Structure formats: structure tokens, C-alpha cells
N, C-alpha and C. Protein backbone atom coordinates (compact mmCIF):
# COMPACT_ATOMS: atom_id res chain seq x y z
N UNK A 1 -55.03 -16.27 -3.59
CA UNK A 1 -54.63 -16.07 -5.36
C UNK A 1 -55.64 -15.90 -5.86
N UNK A 2 -55.57 -15.15 -7.04
CA UNK A 2 -56.70 -14.93 -7.85
C UNK A 2 -57.10 -15.97 -8.14
N UNK A 3 -58.55 -16.18 -8.80
CA UNK A 3 -59.07 -17.18 -10.21
C UNK A 3 -59.60 -16.27 -10.89
N UNK A 4 -59.56 -17.42 -11.76
CA UNK A 4 -59.61 -16.92 -13.33
C UNK A 4 -60.29 -18.31 -14.18
N UNK A 5 -61.08 -18.21 -15.32
CA UNK A 5 -61.58 -18.43 -16.29
C UNK A 5 -60.83 -19.07 -17.53
N UNK A 6 -60.17 -19.99 -17.71
CA UNK A 6 -59.05 -20.30 -19.12
C UNK A 6 -60.24 -20.53 -19.83
N UNK A 7 -59.52 -19.67 -20.90
CA UNK A 7 -60.60 -20.89 -22.02
C UNK A 7 -59.05 -20.63 -23.05
N UNK A 8 -58.51 -21.90 -23.86
CA UNK A 8 -57.75 -22.06 -24.53
C UNK A 8 -58.30 -22.36 -26.01
N UNK A 9 -57.52 -21.28 -26.72
CA UNK A 9 -57.87 -22.42 -28.32
C UNK A 9 -56.74 -22.14 -28.55
N UNK A 10 -56.61 -23.44 -29.20
CA UNK A 10 -56.23 -24.33 -30.28
C UNK A 10 -55.75 -24.49 -32.16
N UNK A 11 -55.05 -23.57 -32.30
CA UNK A 11 -55.77 -23.02 -33.97
C UNK A 11 -55.08 -24.58 -34.61
N UNK A 12 -56.62 -25.16 -35.98
CA UNK A 12 -55.91 -26.20 -36.72
C UNK A 12 -55.51 -25.05 -37.83
N UNK A 13 -54.13 -25.74 -38.17
CA UNK A 13 -53.22 -25.62 -39.36
C UNK A 13 -53.77 -25.96 -40.69
N UNK A 14 -54.29 -26.80 -40.24
CA UNK A 14 -54.36 -27.86 -41.91
C UNK A 14 -55.77 -26.88 -42.96
N UNK A 15 -55.11 -26.56 -44.09
CA UNK A 15 -55.87 -25.95 -44.96
C UNK A 15 -57.67 -26.43 -45.13
N UNK A 16 -58.27 -25.48 -45.28
CA UNK A 16 -59.54 -25.45 -45.11
C UNK A 16 -60.48 -26.50 -44.44
N UNK A 17 -59.77 -26.22 -43.01
CA UNK A 17 -60.31 -27.21 -41.80
C UNK A 17 -60.19 -25.73 -40.75
N UNK A 18 -61.60 -24.91 -40.61
CA UNK A 18 -61.11 -24.11 -39.96
C UNK A 18 -61.86 -24.46 -38.13
N UNK A 19 -61.64 -25.82 -37.67
CA UNK A 19 -62.10 -25.90 -36.17
C UNK A 19 -61.16 -25.71 -34.83
N UNK A 20 -62.10 -25.17 -34.91
CA UNK A 20 -60.10 -25.30 -33.15
C UNK A 20 -61.18 -26.26 -32.18
N UNK A 21 -59.80 -26.31 -31.15
CA UNK A 21 -59.78 -26.80 -30.39
C UNK A 21 -60.00 -25.97 -29.24
N UNK A 22 -60.95 -25.70 -28.37
CA UNK A 22 -61.70 -24.96 -27.13
C UNK A 22 -61.64 -26.11 -25.96
N UNK A 23 -60.62 -25.84 -24.73
CA UNK A 23 -60.60 -25.94 -23.66
C UNK A 23 -60.62 -25.02 -22.67
N UNK A 24 -61.90 -24.94 -21.46
CA UNK A 24 -62.20 -24.56 -20.72
C UNK A 24 -61.96 -25.27 -19.69
N UNK A 25 -61.41 -24.11 -18.66
CA UNK A 25 -61.26 -24.58 -17.00
C UNK A 25 -60.82 -23.92 -15.99
N UNK A 26 -61.24 -23.91 -14.80
CA UNK A 26 -60.93 -22.83 -14.06
C UNK A 26 -59.61 -22.89 -13.81
N UNK A 27 -58.74 -22.06 -13.17
CA UNK A 27 -57.58 -22.18 -12.35
C UNK A 27 -57.05 -21.01 -11.50
N UNK A 28 -55.88 -20.58 -10.92
CA UNK A 28 -55.76 -20.25 -9.79
C UNK A 28 -54.21 -19.74 -10.18
N UNK A 29 -54.18 -18.66 -9.99
CA UNK A 29 -52.73 -18.16 -10.37
C UNK A 29 -52.60 -16.19 -10.04
N UNK A 30 -51.20 -15.94 -9.75
CA UNK A 30 -51.22 -15.12 -9.01
C UNK A 30 -50.69 -14.16 -10.82
N UNK A 31 -50.10 -15.28 -11.98
CA UNK A 31 -49.16 -14.66 -13.25
C UNK A 31 -50.14 -14.94 -14.14
N UNK A 32 -51.36 -15.24 -14.86
CA UNK A 32 -51.81 -15.90 -16.04
C UNK A 32 -50.34 -15.67 -17.30
N UNK A 33 -49.57 -14.96 -17.42
CA UNK A 33 -48.61 -14.95 -18.41
C UNK A 33 -47.53 -15.92 -17.82
N UNK A 34 -46.98 -15.63 -16.79
CA UNK A 34 -46.11 -16.79 -15.93
C UNK A 34 -46.61 -18.55 -16.28
N UNK A 35 -48.26 -18.35 -16.11
CA UNK A 35 -48.68 -19.95 -16.56
C UNK A 35 -48.84 -20.57 -17.61
N UNK A 36 -49.06 -19.45 -18.58
CA UNK A 36 -48.90 -20.10 -20.05
C UNK A 36 -46.68 -20.31 -20.12
N UNK A 37 -46.16 -19.23 -20.12
CA UNK A 37 -45.13 -19.81 -20.23
C UNK A 37 -45.30 -20.82 -19.75
N UNK A 38 -45.13 -21.60 -18.59
CA UNK A 38 -44.58 -22.64 -17.51
C UNK A 38 -45.72 -23.72 -18.34
N UNK A 39 -46.95 -23.76 -19.19
CA UNK A 39 -47.73 -24.71 -20.00
C UNK A 39 -46.86 -24.95 -21.53
N UNK A 40 -46.36 -24.57 -21.68
CA UNK A 40 -45.58 -23.96 -22.91
C UNK A 40 -44.48 -24.85 -22.96
N UNK A 41 -44.23 -26.34 -23.82
CA UNK A 41 -42.88 -27.06 -24.11
C UNK A 41 -42.20 -26.68 -25.25
N UNK A 42 -41.58 -25.99 -25.66
CA UNK A 42 -41.41 -26.32 -27.31
C UNK A 42 -39.67 -25.20 -27.02
N UNK A 43 -39.02 -25.31 -27.99
CA UNK A 43 -37.70 -24.40 -28.30
C UNK A 43 -38.17 -23.01 -29.38
N UNK A 44 -39.28 -23.15 -29.79
CA UNK A 44 -38.89 -21.74 -30.32
C UNK A 44 -40.65 -20.98 -29.45
N UNK A 45 -40.85 -20.31 -28.63
CA UNK A 45 -41.71 -20.01 -28.59
C UNK A 45 -42.25 -18.24 -28.17
N UNK A 46 -43.24 -17.73 -28.99
CA UNK A 46 -43.27 -16.17 -28.66
C UNK A 46 -44.80 -15.79 -28.57
N UNK A 47 -45.14 -14.81 -27.60
CA UNK A 47 -45.66 -14.92 -26.54
C UNK A 47 -45.69 -13.53 -27.23
N UNK A 48 -47.83 -12.55 -27.20
CA UNK A 48 -48.41 -11.61 -27.12
C UNK A 48 -48.97 -11.23 -26.40
N UNK A 49 -48.91 -10.33 -25.10
CA UNK A 49 -49.69 -10.52 -24.15
C UNK A 49 -50.57 -8.94 -24.60
N UNK A 50 -52.46 -9.14 -24.26
CA UNK A 50 -53.25 -7.58 -23.86
C UNK A 50 -53.86 -7.93 -23.06
N UNK A 51 -54.21 -6.58 -22.38
CA UNK A 51 -54.41 -6.63 -21.19
C UNK A 51 -55.99 -5.60 -21.26
N UNK A 52 -57.19 -5.91 -21.39
CA UNK A 52 -58.72 -5.23 -21.85
C UNK A 52 -58.08 -4.29 -20.47
N UNK A 53 -59.04 -3.71 -20.63
CA UNK A 53 -59.73 -2.47 -20.04
C UNK A 53 -60.49 -2.98 -18.85
N UNK A 54 -61.31 -4.01 -18.94
CA UNK A 54 -62.66 -5.09 -18.31
C UNK A 54 -61.61 -5.89 -17.23
N UNK A 55 -60.27 -5.56 -17.65
CA UNK A 55 -59.31 -7.06 -16.62
C UNK A 55 -58.92 -7.57 -17.11
N UNK A 56 -59.51 -7.82 -18.18
CA UNK A 56 -58.90 -9.01 -18.69
C UNK A 56 -57.84 -9.25 -19.24
N UNK A 57 -56.87 -10.60 -19.23
CA UNK A 57 -55.88 -10.90 -20.23
C UNK A 57 -55.99 -11.74 -22.05
N UNK A 58 -55.97 -11.35 -22.54
CA UNK A 58 -55.25 -12.46 -23.79
C UNK A 58 -53.74 -12.54 -24.14
N UNK A 59 -53.56 -13.98 -24.06
CA UNK A 59 -51.87 -13.96 -24.52
C UNK A 59 -52.53 -14.91 -25.34
N UNK A 60 -51.93 -14.65 -26.53
CA UNK A 60 -51.54 -15.47 -27.99
C UNK A 60 -49.90 -15.67 -28.01
N UNK A 61 -49.95 -17.13 -28.41
CA UNK A 61 -48.59 -17.48 -28.65
C UNK A 61 -48.43 -18.57 -29.50
N UNK A 62 -46.75 -18.20 -30.26
CA UNK A 62 -46.78 -19.33 -31.24
C UNK A 62 -45.57 -20.45 -30.07
N UNK A 63 -45.80 -21.57 -30.75
CA UNK A 63 -44.83 -23.18 -29.95
C UNK A 63 -44.77 -23.67 -30.94
N UNK A 64 -43.71 -23.54 -31.57
CA UNK A 64 -42.65 -24.50 -32.37
C UNK A 64 -44.06 -24.38 -33.68
N UNK A 65 -44.75 -23.01 -33.94
CA UNK A 65 -45.39 -23.45 -35.27
C UNK A 65 -47.09 -23.51 -34.62
N UNK A 66 -47.00 -24.00 -33.97
CA UNK A 66 -48.65 -24.27 -32.86
C UNK A 66 -48.87 -23.40 -32.57
N UNK A 67 -50.28 -22.55 -33.18
CA UNK A 67 -50.74 -20.94 -32.66
C UNK A 67 -52.11 -21.40 -31.53
N UNK A 68 -51.83 -20.67 -30.46
CA UNK A 68 -52.57 -20.77 -29.07
C UNK A 68 -53.09 -19.61 -28.89
N UNK A 69 -54.60 -19.36 -27.89
CA UNK A 69 -55.23 -17.69 -28.01
C UNK A 69 -55.33 -18.25 -26.22
N UNK A 70 -54.84 -18.07 -24.90
CA UNK A 70 -55.11 -18.10 -23.99
C UNK A 70 -56.38 -17.10 -23.66
N UNK A 71 -57.28 -16.75 -22.56
CA UNK A 71 -57.76 -15.98 -22.43
C UNK A 71 -58.19 -15.81 -20.88
N UNK A 72 -57.81 -14.84 -20.15
CA UNK A 72 -58.46 -15.24 -19.07
C UNK A 72 -59.10 -14.25 -18.53
N UNK A 73 -60.27 -14.51 -17.49
CA UNK A 73 -61.15 -13.75 -17.18
C UNK A 73 -61.29 -14.05 -15.29
N UNK A 74 -60.92 -13.03 -14.78
CA UNK A 74 -60.91 -12.81 -13.34
C UNK A 74 -62.82 -13.25 -12.87
N UNK A 75 -62.89 -14.42 -11.54
CA UNK A 75 -64.04 -15.46 -11.21
C UNK A 75 -64.10 -14.43 -10.16
């Protein structure tokens, strides 16, 4: 199973606060997009996927109004 470094950025929607939470972990998955779908628990989930030329995958999500970006780089 492929191993990835996953960077998860959780956007802060508060006015005048540009900070964001950034979490980094190593994961094993055959499908990074499905991995993200399984992480998100909510009623309204939007997912946009960008597959880069270098093989990395960026998944932008909005889950019940919370914006997150998941970046996967193969290890």
C-alpha cells in the first residue's frame, strides 16, 4: 500500500485571524480521496481534487462550513 505524508490545514474563519491549524502525519492508503471522505463527518460535504504533475494530490474540502485542505505527497 502506498505511503504518503499528509498535511492537513484547517482554515480559521474568524475575522482578522489569519492563523490556521496545520497537522502533519504519515499514512498508508490506496486512495487519498477516499481516505479524506472517511475522515469527514458532516451533513454537507464538498470535495475538490487537484492531481499535480509531480504525483502529489491536493484535496480541498468544505464540511458543514469548515474549510480544510489535505495535501498528499508520496514517500
